[in-house]
């Protein structure tokens, strides 16, 4: 996944695209350091 600032993140994604165009799913990361980075990204962007 490439996030803001063109930063590459090795996150896995499983997303479902509905017939009406809505999208929902999960971004997943394993490992202590990578999971911490993902949690920080979430805190900065939750709800936005």
ModelCIF file with pLDDT and N, C-alpha, C, O atoms, coordinates in Angstrom:
data_MODEL
#
_entry.id   MODEL 
#
_entity.id                         1 
_entity.type                       polymer 
_entity.pdbx_number_of_molecules   1 
#
_entity_poly.entity_id                      1 
_entity_poly.type                           'polypeptide(L)' 
_entity_poly.nstd_linkage                   no 
_entity_poly.nstd_monomer                   no 
_entity_poly.pdbx_seq_one_letter_code       
;(UNK)(UNK)(UNK)(UNK)(UNK)(UNK)(UNK)(UNK)(UNK)(UNK)(UNK)(UNK)(UNK)(UNK)(UNK)(UNK)
(UNK)(UNK)(UNK)(UNK)(UNK)(UNK)(UNK)(UNK)(UNK)(UNK)(UNK)(UNK)(UNK)(UNK)(UNK)(UNK)
(UNK)(UNK)(UNK)(UNK)(UNK)(UNK)(UNK)(UNK)(UNK)(UNK)(UNK)(UNK)(UNK)(UNK)(UNK)(UNK)
;
_entity_poly.pdbx_seq_one_letter_code_can   XXXXXXXXXXXXXXXXXXXXXXXXXXXXXXXXXXXXXXXXXXXXXXXX 
_entity_poly.pdbx_strand_id                 A 
#
loop_
_entity_poly_seq.entity_id 
_entity_poly_seq.num 
_entity_poly_seq.mon_id 
_entity_poly_seq.hetero 
1 1  UNK n 
1 2  UNK n 
1 3  UNK n 
1 4  UNK n 
1 5  UNK n 
1 6  UNK n 
1 7  UNK n 
1 8  UNK n 
1 9  UNK n 
1 10 UNK n 
1 11 UNK n 
1 12 UNK n 
1 13 UNK n 
1 14 UNK n 
1 15 UNK n 
1 16 UNK n 
1 17 UNK n 
1 18 UNK n 
1 19 UNK n 
1 20 UNK n 
1 21 UNK n 
1 22 UNK n 
1 23 UNK n 
1 24 UNK n 
1 25 UNK n 
1 26 UNK n 
1 27 UNK n 
1 28 UNK n 
1 29 UNK n 
1 30 UNK n 
1 31 UNK n 
1 32 UNK n 
1 33 UNK n 
1 34 UNK n 
1 35 UNK n 
1 36 UNK n 
1 37 UNK n 
1 38 UNK n 
1 39 UNK n 
1 40 UNK n 
1 41 UNK n 
1 42 UNK n 
1 43 UNK n 
1 44 UNK n 
1 45 UNK n 
1 46 UNK n 
1 47 UNK n 
1 48 UNK n 
#
_struct_asym.id          A 
_struct_asym.entity_id   1 
#
loop_
_ma_qa_metric.id 
_ma_qa_metric.mode 
_ma_qa_metric.name 
_ma_qa_metric.software_group_id 
_ma_qa_metric.type 
1 global pLDDT . pLDDT 
2 local  pLDDT . pLDDT 
#
_ma_qa_metric_global.metric_id      1 
_ma_qa_metric_global.metric_value   91.04 
_ma_qa_metric_global.model_id       1 
_ma_qa_metric_global.ordinal_id     1 
#
loop_
_ma_qa_metric_local.label_asym_id 
_ma_qa_metric_local.label_comp_id 
_ma_qa_metric_local.label_seq_id 
_ma_qa_metric_local.metric_id 
_ma_qa_metric_local.metric_value 
_ma_qa_metric_local.model_id 
_ma_qa_metric_local.ordinal_id 
A UNK 1  2 93.00 1 1  
A UNK 2  2 93.00 1 2  
A UNK 3  2 89.00 1 3  
A UNK 4  2 81.00 1 4  
A UNK 5  2 72.00 1 5  
A UNK 6  2 77.00 1 6  
A UNK 7  2 86.00 1 7  
A UNK 8  2 90.00 1 8  
A UNK 9  2 90.00 1 9  
A UNK 10 2 92.00 1 10 
A UNK 11 2 93.00 1 11 
A UNK 12 2 95.00 1 12 
A UNK 13 2 95.00 1 13 
A UNK 14 2 96.00 1 14 
A UNK 15 2 96.00 1 15 
A UNK 16 2 96.00 1 16 
A UNK 17 2 93.00 1 17 
A UNK 18 2 92.00 1 18 
A UNK 19 2 90.00 1 19 
A UNK 20 2 90.00 1 20 
A UNK 21 2 87.00 1 21 
A UNK 22 2 94.00 1 22 
A UNK 23 2 95.00 1 23 
A UNK 24 2 96.00 1 24 
A UNK 25 2 97.00 1 25 
A UNK 26 2 97.00 1 26 
A UNK 27 2 96.00 1 27 
A UNK 28 2 96.00 1 28 
A UNK 29 2 93.00 1 29 
A UNK 30 2 89.00 1 30 
A UNK 31 2 87.00 1 31 
A UNK 32 2 82.00 1 32 
A UNK 33 2 84.00 1 33 
A UNK 34 2 85.00 1 34 
A UNK 35 2 88.00 1 35 
A UNK 36 2 89.00 1 36 
A UNK 37 2 90.00 1 37 
A UNK 38 2 92.00 1 38 
A UNK 39 2 93.00 1 39 
A UNK 40 2 93.00 1 40 
A UNK 41 2 93.00 1 41 
A UNK 42 2 95.00 1 42 
A UNK 43 2 95.00 1 43 
A UNK 44 2 94.00 1 44 
A UNK 45 2 94.00 1 45 
A UNK 46 2 94.00 1 46 
A UNK 47 2 89.00 1 47 
A UNK 48 2 94.00 1 48 
#
loop_
_atom_site.group_PDB 
_atom_site.id 
_atom_site.type_symbol 
_atom_site.label_atom_id 
_atom_site.label_alt_id 
_atom_site.label_comp_id 
_atom_site.label_asym_id 
_atom_site.label_entity_id 
_atom_site.label_seq_id 
_atom_site.pdbx_PDB_ins_code 
_atom_site.Cartn_x 
_atom_site.Cartn_y 
_atom_site.Cartn_z 
_atom_site.occupancy 
_atom_site.B_iso_or_equiv 
_atom_site.pdbx_formal_charge 
_atom_site.auth_seq_id 
_atom_site.auth_comp_id 
_atom_site.auth_asym_id 
_atom_site.auth_atom_id 
_atom_site.pdbx_PDB_model_num 
ATOM 1   N N  . UNK A 1 1  ? 0.863   -1.178 0.000  1.00 93.00 ? 1  UNK A N  1 
ATOM 2   C CA . UNK A 1 1  ? 0.000   0.000  0.000  1.00 93.00 ? 1  UNK A CA 1 
ATOM 3   C C  . UNK A 1 1  ? 0.901   1.229  0.000  1.00 93.00 ? 1  UNK A C  1 
ATOM 4   O O  . UNK A 1 1  ? 1.885   1.290  0.737  1.00 93.00 ? 1  UNK A O  1 
ATOM 5   N N  . UNK A 1 2  ? 0.555   2.206  -0.833 1.00 93.00 ? 2  UNK A N  1 
ATOM 6   C CA . UNK A 1 2  ? 1.285   3.470  -0.834 1.00 93.00 ? 2  UNK A CA 1 
ATOM 7   C C  . UNK A 1 2  ? 0.390   4.509  -0.185 1.00 93.00 ? 2  UNK A C  1 
ATOM 8   O O  . UNK A 1 2  ? -0.729  4.748  -0.638 1.00 93.00 ? 2  UNK A O  1 
ATOM 9   N N  . UNK A 1 3  ? 0.889   5.127  0.883  1.00 89.00 ? 3  UNK A N  1 
ATOM 10  C CA . UNK A 1 3  ? 0.121   6.111  1.633  1.00 89.00 ? 3  UNK A CA 1 
ATOM 11  C C  . UNK A 1 3  ? 0.626   7.509  1.291  1.00 89.00 ? 3  UNK A C  1 
ATOM 12  O O  . UNK A 1 3  ? 1.437   7.686  0.382  1.00 89.00 ? 3  UNK A O  1 
ATOM 13  N N  . UNK A 1 4  ? 0.145   8.474  2.020  1.00 81.00 ? 4  UNK A N  1 
ATOM 14  C CA . UNK A 1 4  ? 0.505   9.878  1.806  1.00 81.00 ? 4  UNK A CA 1 
ATOM 15  C C  . UNK A 1 4  ? 2.013   10.041 1.686  1.00 81.00 ? 4  UNK A C  1 
ATOM 16  O O  . UNK A 1 4  ? 2.781   9.307  2.308  1.00 81.00 ? 4  UNK A O  1 
ATOM 17  N N  . UNK A 1 5  ? 2.419   10.988 0.898  1.00 72.00 ? 5  UNK A N  1 
ATOM 18  C CA . UNK A 1 5  ? 3.849   11.221 0.727  1.00 72.00 ? 5  UNK A CA 1 
ATOM 19  C C  . UNK A 1 5  ? 4.546   10.121 -0.043 1.00 72.00 ? 5  UNK A C  1 
ATOM 20  O O  . UNK A 1 5  ? 5.770   10.005 0.019  1.00 72.00 ? 5  UNK A O  1 
ATOM 21  N N  . UNK A 1 6  ? 3.792   9.311  -0.766 1.00 77.00 ? 6  UNK A N  1 
ATOM 22  C CA . UNK A 1 6  ? 4.336   8.216  -1.575 1.00 77.00 ? 6  UNK A CA 1 
ATOM 23  C C  . UNK A 1 6  ? 5.145   7.224  -0.747 1.00 77.00 ? 6  UNK A C  1 
ATOM 24  O O  . UNK A 1 6  ? 6.113   6.646  -1.243 1.00 77.00 ? 6  UNK A O  1 
ATOM 25  N N  . UNK A 1 7  ? 4.753   7.022  0.518  1.00 86.00 ? 7  UNK A N  1 
ATOM 26  C CA . UNK A 1 7  ? 5.457   6.075  1.382  1.00 86.00 ? 7  UNK A CA 1 
ATOM 27  C C  . UNK A 1 7  ? 4.903   4.675  1.147  1.00 86.00 ? 7  UNK A C  1 
ATOM 28  O O  . UNK A 1 7  ? 3.706   4.441  1.311  1.00 86.00 ? 7  UNK A O  1 
ATOM 29  N N  . UNK A 1 8  ? 5.777   3.745  0.762  1.00 90.00 ? 8  UNK A N  1 
ATOM 30  C CA . UNK A 1 8  ? 5.388   2.348  0.567  1.00 90.00 ? 8  UNK A CA 1 
ATOM 31  C C  . UNK A 1 8  ? 5.299   1.661  1.921  1.00 90.00 ? 8  UNK A C  1 
ATOM 32  O O  . UNK A 1 8  ? 6.178   1.805  2.770  1.00 90.00 ? 8  UNK A O  1 
ATOM 33  N N  . UNK A 1 9  ? 4.223   0.915  2.102  1.00 90.00 ? 9  UNK A N  1 
ATOM 34  C CA . UNK A 1 9  ? 4.057   0.125  3.326  1.00 90.00 ? 9  UNK A CA 1 
ATOM 35  C C  . UNK A 1 9  ? 3.726   -1.315 2.915  1.00 90.00 ? 9  UNK A C  1 
ATOM 36  O O  . UNK A 1 9  ? 2.880   -1.524 2.045  1.00 90.00 ? 9  UNK A O  1 
ATOM 37  N N  . UNK A 1 10 ? 4.375   -2.300 3.521  1.00 92.00 ? 10 UNK A N  1 
ATOM 38  C CA . UNK A 1 10 ? 4.181   -3.692 3.109  1.00 92.00 ? 10 UNK A CA 1 
ATOM 39  C C  . UNK A 1 10 ? 2.931   -4.339 3.714  1.00 92.00 ? 10 UNK A C  1 
ATOM 40  O O  . UNK A 1 10 ? 2.944   -5.528 4.034  1.00 92.00 ? 10 UNK A O  1 
ATOM 41  N N  . UNK A 1 11 ? 1.877   -3.583 3.867  1.00 93.00 ? 11 UNK A N  1 
ATOM 42  C CA . UNK A 1 11 ? 0.649   -4.078 4.478  1.00 93.00 ? 11 UNK A CA 1 
ATOM 43  C C  . UNK A 1 11 ? -0.094  -5.005 3.525  1.00 93.00 ? 11 UNK A C  1 
ATOM 44  O O  . UNK A 1 11 ? -0.126  -4.783 2.314  1.00 93.00 ? 11 UNK A O  1 
ATOM 45  N N  . UNK A 1 12 ? -0.685  -6.040 4.092  1.00 95.00 ? 12 UNK A N  1 
ATOM 46  C CA . UNK A 1 12 ? -1.584  -6.902 3.328  1.00 95.00 ? 12 UNK A CA 1 
ATOM 47  C C  . UNK A 1 12 ? -2.972  -6.259 3.351  1.00 95.00 ? 12 UNK A C  1 
ATOM 48  O O  . UNK A 1 12 ? -3.332  -5.585 4.315  1.00 95.00 ? 12 UNK A O  1 
ATOM 49  N N  . UNK A 1 13 ? -3.736  -6.467 2.301  1.00 95.00 ? 13 UNK A N  1 
ATOM 50  C CA . UNK A 1 13 ? -5.093  -5.938 2.278  1.00 95.00 ? 13 UNK A CA 1 
ATOM 51  C C  . UNK A 1 13 ? -6.055  -6.996 1.763  1.00 95.00 ? 13 UNK A C  1 
ATOM 52  O O  . UNK A 1 13 ? -5.741  -7.762 0.852  1.00 95.00 ? 13 UNK A O  1 
ATOM 53  N N  . UNK A 1 14 ? -7.229  -7.018 2.366  1.00 96.00 ? 14 UNK A N  1 
ATOM 54  C CA . UNK A 1 14 ? -8.347  -7.835 1.935  1.00 96.00 ? 14 UNK A CA 1 
ATOM 55  C C  . UNK A 1 14 ? -9.551  -6.909 1.937  1.00 96.00 ? 14 UNK A C  1 
ATOM 56  O O  . UNK A 1 14 ? -10.040 -6.510 2.995  1.00 96.00 ? 14 UNK A O  1 
ATOM 57  N N  . UNK A 1 15 ? -10.028 -6.567 0.739  1.00 96.00 ? 15 UNK A N  1 
ATOM 58  C CA . UNK A 1 15 ? -11.087 -5.580 0.583  1.00 96.00 ? 15 UNK A CA 1 
ATOM 59  C C  . UNK A 1 15 ? -12.221 -6.168 -0.243 1.00 96.00 ? 15 UNK A C  1 
ATOM 60  O O  . UNK A 1 15 ? -11.992 -6.969 -1.149 1.00 96.00 ? 15 UNK A O  1 
ATOM 61  N N  . UNK A 1 16 ? -13.435 -5.767 0.074  1.00 96.00 ? 16 UNK A N  1 
ATOM 62  C CA . UNK A 1 16 ? -14.606 -6.199 -0.684 1.00 96.00 ? 16 UNK A CA 1 
ATOM 63  C C  . UNK A 1 16 ? -15.247 -4.990 -1.329 1.00 96.00 ? 16 UNK A C  1 
ATOM 64  O O  . UNK A 1 16 ? -15.596 -4.025 -0.649 1.00 96.00 ? 16 UNK A O  1 
ATOM 65  N N  . UNK A 1 17 ? -15.402 -5.043 -2.655 1.00 93.00 ? 17 UNK A N  1 
ATOM 66  C CA . UNK A 1 17 ? -16.072 -3.987 -3.398 1.00 93.00 ? 17 UNK A CA 1 
ATOM 67  C C  . UNK A 1 17 ? -17.505 -4.434 -3.645 1.00 93.00 ? 17 UNK A C  1 
ATOM 68  O O  . UNK A 1 17 ? -17.743 -5.448 -4.300 1.00 93.00 ? 17 UNK A O  1 
ATOM 69  N N  . UNK A 1 18 ? -18.453 -3.674 -3.119 1.00 92.00 ? 18 UNK A N  1 
ATOM 70  C CA . UNK A 1 18 ? -19.876 -3.987 -3.267 1.00 92.00 ? 18 UNK A CA 1 
ATOM 71  C C  . UNK A 1 18 ? -20.384 -3.512 -4.634 1.00 92.00 ? 18 UNK A C  1 
ATOM 72  O O  . UNK A 1 18 ? -19.724 -2.713 -5.298 1.00 92.00 ? 18 UNK A O  1 
ATOM 73  N N  . UNK A 1 19 ? -21.531 -3.992 -5.042 1.00 90.00 ? 19 UNK A N  1 
ATOM 74  C CA . UNK A 1 19 ? -22.132 -3.594 -6.312 1.00 90.00 ? 19 UNK A CA 1 
ATOM 75  C C  . UNK A 1 19 ? -22.427 -2.097 -6.376 1.00 90.00 ? 19 UNK A C  1 
ATOM 76  O O  . UNK A 1 19 ? -22.406 -1.511 -7.458 1.00 90.00 ? 19 UNK A O  1 
ATOM 77  N N  . UNK A 1 20 ? -22.699 -1.477 -5.236 1.00 90.00 ? 20 UNK A N  1 
ATOM 78  C CA . UNK A 1 20 ? -23.009 -0.040 -5.211 1.00 90.00 ? 20 UNK A CA 1 
ATOM 79  C C  . UNK A 1 20 ? -21.760 0.838  -5.167 1.00 90.00 ? 20 UNK A C  1 
ATOM 80  O O  . UNK A 1 20 ? -21.869 2.060  -5.064 1.00 90.00 ? 20 UNK A O  1 
ATOM 81  N N  . UNK A 1 21 ? -20.566 0.222  -5.245 1.00 87.00 ? 21 UNK A N  1 
ATOM 82  C CA . UNK A 1 21 ? -19.310 0.968  -5.253 1.00 87.00 ? 21 UNK A CA 1 
ATOM 83  C C  . UNK A 1 21 ? -18.678 1.152  -3.886 1.00 87.00 ? 21 UNK A C  1 
ATOM 84  O O  . UNK A 1 21 ? -17.562 1.660  -3.786 1.00 87.00 ? 21 UNK A O  1 
ATOM 85  N N  . UNK A 1 22 ? -19.376 0.746  -2.829 1.00 94.00 ? 22 UNK A N  1 
ATOM 86  C CA . UNK A 1 22 ? -18.810 0.844  -1.479 1.00 94.00 ? 22 UNK A CA 1 
ATOM 87  C C  . UNK A 1 22 ? -17.701 -0.193 -1.312 1.00 94.00 ? 22 UNK A C  1 
ATOM 88  O O  . UNK A 1 22 ? -17.769 -1.295 -1.856 1.00 94.00 ? 22 UNK A O  1 
ATOM 89  N N  . UNK A 1 23 ? -16.702 0.182  -0.564 1.00 95.00 ? 23 UNK A N  1 
ATOM 90  C CA . UNK A 1 23 ? -15.537 -0.673 -0.338 1.00 95.00 ? 23 UNK A CA 1 
ATOM 91  C C  . UNK A 1 23 ? -15.325 -0.807 1.160  1.00 95.00 ? 23 UNK A C  1 
ATOM 92  O O  . UNK A 1 23 ? -15.400 0.184  1.888  1.00 95.00 ? 23 UNK A O  1 
ATOM 93  N N  . UNK A 1 24 ? -15.064 -2.007 1.624  1.00 96.00 ? 24 UNK A N  1 
ATOM 94  C CA . UNK A 1 24 ? -14.687 -2.176 3.032  1.00 96.00 ? 24 UNK A CA 1 
ATOM 95  C C  . UNK A 1 24 ? -13.812 -3.399 3.185  1.00 96.00 ? 24 UNK A C  1 
ATOM 96  O O  . UNK A 1 24 ? -13.857 -4.331 2.381  1.00 96.00 ? 24 UNK A O  1 
ATOM 97  N N  . UNK A 1 25 ? -13.009 -3.372 4.243  1.00 97.00 ? 25 UNK A N  1 
ATOM 98  C CA . UNK A 1 25 ? -12.123 -4.499 4.470  1.00 97.00 ? 25 UNK A CA 1 
ATOM 99  C C  . UNK A 1 25 ? -11.063 -4.196 5.500  1.00 97.00 ? 25 UNK A C  1 
ATOM 100 O O  . UNK A 1 25 ? -11.237 -3.336 6.363  1.00 97.00 ? 25 UNK A O  1 
ATOM 101 N N  . UNK A 1 26 ? -9.942  -4.927 5.395  1.00 97.00 ? 26 UNK A N  1 
ATOM 102 C CA . UNK A 1 26 ? -8.876  -4.852 6.381  1.00 97.00 ? 26 UNK A CA 1 
ATOM 103 C C  . UNK A 1 26 ? -7.526  -4.567 5.739  1.00 97.00 ? 26 UNK A C  1 
ATOM 104 O O  . UNK A 1 26 ? -7.227  -5.038 4.642  1.00 97.00 ? 26 UNK A O  1 
ATOM 105 N N  . UNK A 1 27 ? -6.722  -3.789 6.446  1.00 96.00 ? 27 UNK A N  1 
ATOM 106 C CA . UNK A 1 27 ? -5.292  -3.652 6.185  1.00 96.00 ? 27 UNK A CA 1 
ATOM 107 C C  . UNK A 1 27 ? -4.615  -4.377 7.338  1.00 96.00 ? 27 UNK A C  1 
ATOM 108 O O  . UNK A 1 27 ? -4.976  -4.149 8.493  1.00 96.00 ? 27 UNK A O  1 
ATOM 109 N N  . UNK A 1 28 ? -3.645  -5.242 7.063  1.00 96.00 ? 28 UNK A N  1 
ATOM 110 C CA . UNK A 1 28 ? -3.048  -6.092 8.098  1.00 96.00 ? 28 UNK A CA 1 
ATOM 111 C C  . UNK A 1 28 ? -1.530  -6.052 8.019  1.00 96.00 ? 28 UNK A C  1 
ATOM 112 O O  . UNK A 1 28 ? -0.953  -6.057 6.932  1.00 96.00 ? 28 UNK A O  1 
ATOM 113 N N  . UNK A 1 29 ? -0.890  -6.013 9.186  1.00 93.00 ? 29 UNK A N  1 
ATOM 114 C CA . UNK A 1 29 ? 0.574   -6.080 9.253  1.00 93.00 ? 29 UNK A CA 1 
ATOM 115 C C  . UNK A 1 29 ? 0.990   -6.905 10.449 1.00 93.00 ? 29 UNK A C  1 
ATOM 116 O O  . UNK A 1 29 ? 0.418   -6.783 11.532 1.00 93.00 ? 29 UNK A O  1 
ATOM 117 N N  . UNK A 1 30 ? 1.990   -7.747 10.247 1.00 89.00 ? 30 UNK A N  1 
ATOM 118 C CA . UNK A 1 30 ? 2.547   -8.563 11.324 1.00 89.00 ? 30 UNK A CA 1 
ATOM 119 C C  . UNK A 1 30 ? 3.960   -8.101 11.629 1.00 89.00 ? 30 UNK A C  1 
ATOM 120 O O  . UNK A 1 30 ? 4.638   -7.530 10.774 1.00 89.00 ? 30 UNK A O  1 
ATOM 121 N N  . UNK A 1 31 ? 4.392   -8.349 12.840 1.00 87.00 ? 31 UNK A N  1 
ATOM 122 C CA . UNK A 1 31 ? 5.736   -7.974 13.270 1.00 87.00 ? 31 UNK A CA 1 
ATOM 123 C C  . UNK A 1 31 ? 5.675   -6.780 14.211 1.00 87.00 ? 31 UNK A C  1 
ATOM 124 O O  . UNK A 1 31 ? 4.854   -5.882 14.027 1.00 87.00 ? 31 UNK A O  1 
ATOM 125 N N  . UNK A 1 32 ? 6.526   -6.769 15.202 1.00 82.00 ? 32 UNK A N  1 
ATOM 126 C CA . UNK A 1 32 ? 6.475   -5.742 16.234 1.00 82.00 ? 32 UNK A CA 1 
ATOM 127 C C  . UNK A 1 32 ? 6.649   -4.331 15.689 1.00 82.00 ? 32 UNK A C  1 
ATOM 128 O O  . UNK A 1 32 ? 5.807   -3.471 15.943 1.00 82.00 ? 32 UNK A O  1 
ATOM 129 N N  . UNK A 1 33 ? 7.709   -4.076 14.953 1.00 84.00 ? 33 UNK A N  1 
ATOM 130 C CA . UNK A 1 33 ? 7.979   -2.718 14.471 1.00 84.00 ? 33 UNK A CA 1 
ATOM 131 C C  . UNK A 1 33 ? 6.945   -2.270 13.446 1.00 84.00 ? 33 UNK A C  1 
ATOM 132 O O  . UNK A 1 33 ? 6.445   -1.147 13.511 1.00 84.00 ? 33 UNK A O  1 
ATOM 133 N N  . UNK A 1 34 ? 6.626   -3.148 12.499 1.00 85.00 ? 34 UNK A N  1 
ATOM 134 C CA . UNK A 1 34 ? 5.665   -2.792 11.458 1.00 85.00 ? 34 UNK A CA 1 
ATOM 135 C C  . UNK A 1 34 ? 4.268   -2.576 12.043 1.00 85.00 ? 34 UNK A C  1 
ATOM 136 O O  . UNK A 1 34 ? 3.547   -1.680 11.603 1.00 85.00 ? 34 UNK A O  1 
ATOM 137 N N  . UNK A 1 35 ? 3.880   -3.387 13.028 1.00 88.00 ? 35 UNK A N  1 
ATOM 138 C CA . UNK A 1 35 ? 2.577   -3.208 13.667 1.00 88.00 ? 35 UNK A CA 1 
ATOM 139 C C  . UNK A 1 35 ? 2.518   -1.886 14.428 1.00 88.00 ? 35 UNK A C  1 
ATOM 140 O O  . UNK A 1 35 ? 1.487   -1.212 14.426 1.00 88.00 ? 35 UNK A O  1 
ATOM 141 N N  . UNK A 1 36 ? 3.619   -1.513 15.078 1.00 89.00 ? 36 UNK A N  1 
ATOM 142 C CA . UNK A 1 36 ? 3.664   -0.232 15.794 1.00 89.00 ? 36 UNK A CA 1 
ATOM 143 C C  . UNK A 1 36 ? 3.502   0.936  14.815 1.00 89.00 ? 36 UNK A C  1 
ATOM 144 O O  . UNK A 1 36 ? 2.791   1.901  15.098 1.00 89.00 ? 36 UNK A O  1 
ATOM 145 N N  . UNK A 1 37 ? 4.167   0.838  13.668 1.00 90.00 ? 37 UNK A N  1 
ATOM 146 C CA . UNK A 1 37 ? 4.060   1.884  12.652 1.00 90.00 ? 37 UNK A CA 1 
ATOM 147 C C  . UNK A 1 37 ? 2.623   1.975  12.131 1.00 90.00 ? 37 UNK A C  1 
ATOM 148 O O  . UNK A 1 37 ? 2.104   3.071  11.916 1.00 90.00 ? 37 UNK A O  1 
ATOM 149 N N  . UNK A 1 38 ? 1.988   0.825  11.932 1.00 92.00 ? 38 UNK A N  1 
ATOM 150 C CA . UNK A 1 38 ? 0.601   0.811  11.457 1.00 92.00 ? 38 UNK A CA 1 
ATOM 151 C C  . UNK A 1 38 ? -0.325  1.442  12.506 1.00 92.00 ? 38 UNK A C  1 
ATOM 152 O O  . UNK A 1 38 ? -1.228  2.200  12.150 1.00 92.00 ? 38 UNK A O  1 
ATOM 153 N N  . UNK A 1 39 ? -0.113  1.142  13.775 1.00 93.00 ? 39 UNK A N  1 
ATOM 154 C CA . UNK A 1 39 ? -0.933  1.727  14.836 1.00 93.00 ? 39 UNK A CA 1 
ATOM 155 C C  . UNK A 1 39 ? -0.768  3.244  14.878 1.00 93.00 ? 39 UNK A C  1 
ATOM 156 O O  . UNK A 1 39 ? -1.748  3.961  15.079 1.00 93.00 ? 39 UNK A O  1 
ATOM 157 N N  . UNK A 1 40 ? 0.437   3.738  14.695 1.00 93.00 ? 40 UNK A N  1 
ATOM 158 C CA . UNK A 1 40 ? 0.664   5.186  14.679 1.00 93.00 ? 40 UNK A CA 1 
ATOM 159 C C  . UNK A 1 40 ? -0.043  5.817  13.480 1.00 93.00 ? 40 UNK A C  1 
ATOM 160 O O  . UNK A 1 40 ? -0.638  6.886  13.611 1.00 93.00 ? 40 UNK A O  1 
ATOM 161 N N  . UNK A 1 41 ? 0.016   5.168  12.306 1.00 93.00 ? 41 UNK A N  1 
ATOM 162 C CA . UNK A 1 41 ? -0.673  5.680  11.126 1.00 93.00 ? 41 UNK A CA 1 
ATOM 163 C C  . UNK A 1 41 ? -2.175  5.754  11.389 1.00 93.00 ? 41 UNK A C  1 
ATOM 164 O O  . UNK A 1 41 ? -2.829  6.731  11.024 1.00 93.00 ? 41 UNK A O  1 
ATOM 165 N N  . UNK A 1 42 ? -2.717  4.712  12.027 1.00 95.00 ? 42 UNK A N  1 
ATOM 166 C CA . UNK A 1 42 ? -4.147  4.705  12.351 1.00 95.00 ? 42 UNK A CA 1 
ATOM 167 C C  . UNK A 1 42 ? -4.500  5.885  13.263 1.00 95.00 ? 42 UNK A C  1 
ATOM 168 O O  . UNK A 1 42 ? -5.470  6.597  13.002 1.00 95.00 ? 42 UNK A O  1 
ATOM 169 N N  . UNK A 1 43 ? -3.731  6.093  14.315 1.00 95.00 ? 43 UNK A N  1 
ATOM 170 C CA . UNK A 1 43 ? -4.032  7.177  15.254 1.00 95.00 ? 43 UNK A CA 1 
ATOM 171 C C  . UNK A 1 43 ? -4.018  8.540  14.562 1.00 95.00 ? 43 UNK A C  1 
ATOM 172 O O  . UNK A 1 43 ? -4.824  9.409  14.895 1.00 95.00 ? 43 UNK A O  1 
ATOM 173 N N  . UNK A 1 44 ? -3.119  8.732  13.613 1.00 94.00 ? 44 UNK A N  1 
ATOM 174 C CA . UNK A 1 44 ? -3.052  10.004 12.881 1.00 94.00 ? 44 UNK A CA 1 
ATOM 175 C C  . UNK A 1 44 ? -4.213  10.183 11.905 1.00 94.00 ? 44 UNK A C  1 
ATOM 176 O O  . UNK A 1 44 ? -4.591  11.314 11.599 1.00 94.00 ? 44 UNK A O  1 
ATOM 177 N N  . UNK A 1 45 ? -4.783  9.082  11.411 1.00 94.00 ? 45 UNK A N  1 
ATOM 178 C CA . UNK A 1 45 ? -5.756  9.167  10.326 1.00 94.00 ? 45 UNK A CA 1 
ATOM 179 C C  . UNK A 1 45 ? -7.155  8.658  10.649 1.00 94.00 ? 45 UNK A C  1 
ATOM 180 O O  . UNK A 1 45 ? -8.028  8.713  9.783  1.00 94.00 ? 45 UNK A O  1 
ATOM 181 N N  . UNK A 1 46 ? -7.403  8.164  11.861 1.00 94.00 ? 46 UNK A N  1 
ATOM 182 C CA . UNK A 1 46 ? -8.714  7.578  12.161 1.00 94.00 ? 46 UNK A CA 1 
ATOM 183 C C  . UNK A 1 46 ? -9.830  8.597  11.942 1.00 94.00 ? 46 UNK A C  1 
ATOM 184 O O  . UNK A 1 46 ? -9.750  9.751  12.364 1.00 94.00 ? 46 UNK A O  1 
ATOM 185 N N  . UNK A 1 47 ? -10.869 8.120  11.266 1.00 89.00 ? 47 UNK A N  1 
ATOM 186 C CA . UNK A 1 47 ? -12.030 8.947  10.994 1.00 89.00 ? 47 UNK A CA 1 
ATOM 187 C C  . UNK A 1 47 ? -11.885 9.920  9.831  1.00 89.00 ? 47 UNK A C  1 
ATOM 188 O O  . UNK A 1 47 ? -12.875 10.518 9.410  1.00 89.00 ? 47 UNK A O  1 
ATOM 189 N N  . UNK A 1 48 ? -10.681 10.093 9.305  1.00 94.00 ? 48 UNK A N  1 
ATOM 190 C CA . UNK A 1 48 ? -10.451 10.984 8.166  1.00 94.00 ? 48 UNK A CA 1 
ATOM 191 C C  . UNK A 1 48 ? -10.498 10.170 6.868  1.00 94.00 ? 48 UNK A C  1 
ATOM 192 O O  . UNK A 1 48 ? -10.328 10.727 5.784  1.00 94.00 ? 48 UNK A O  1 
#
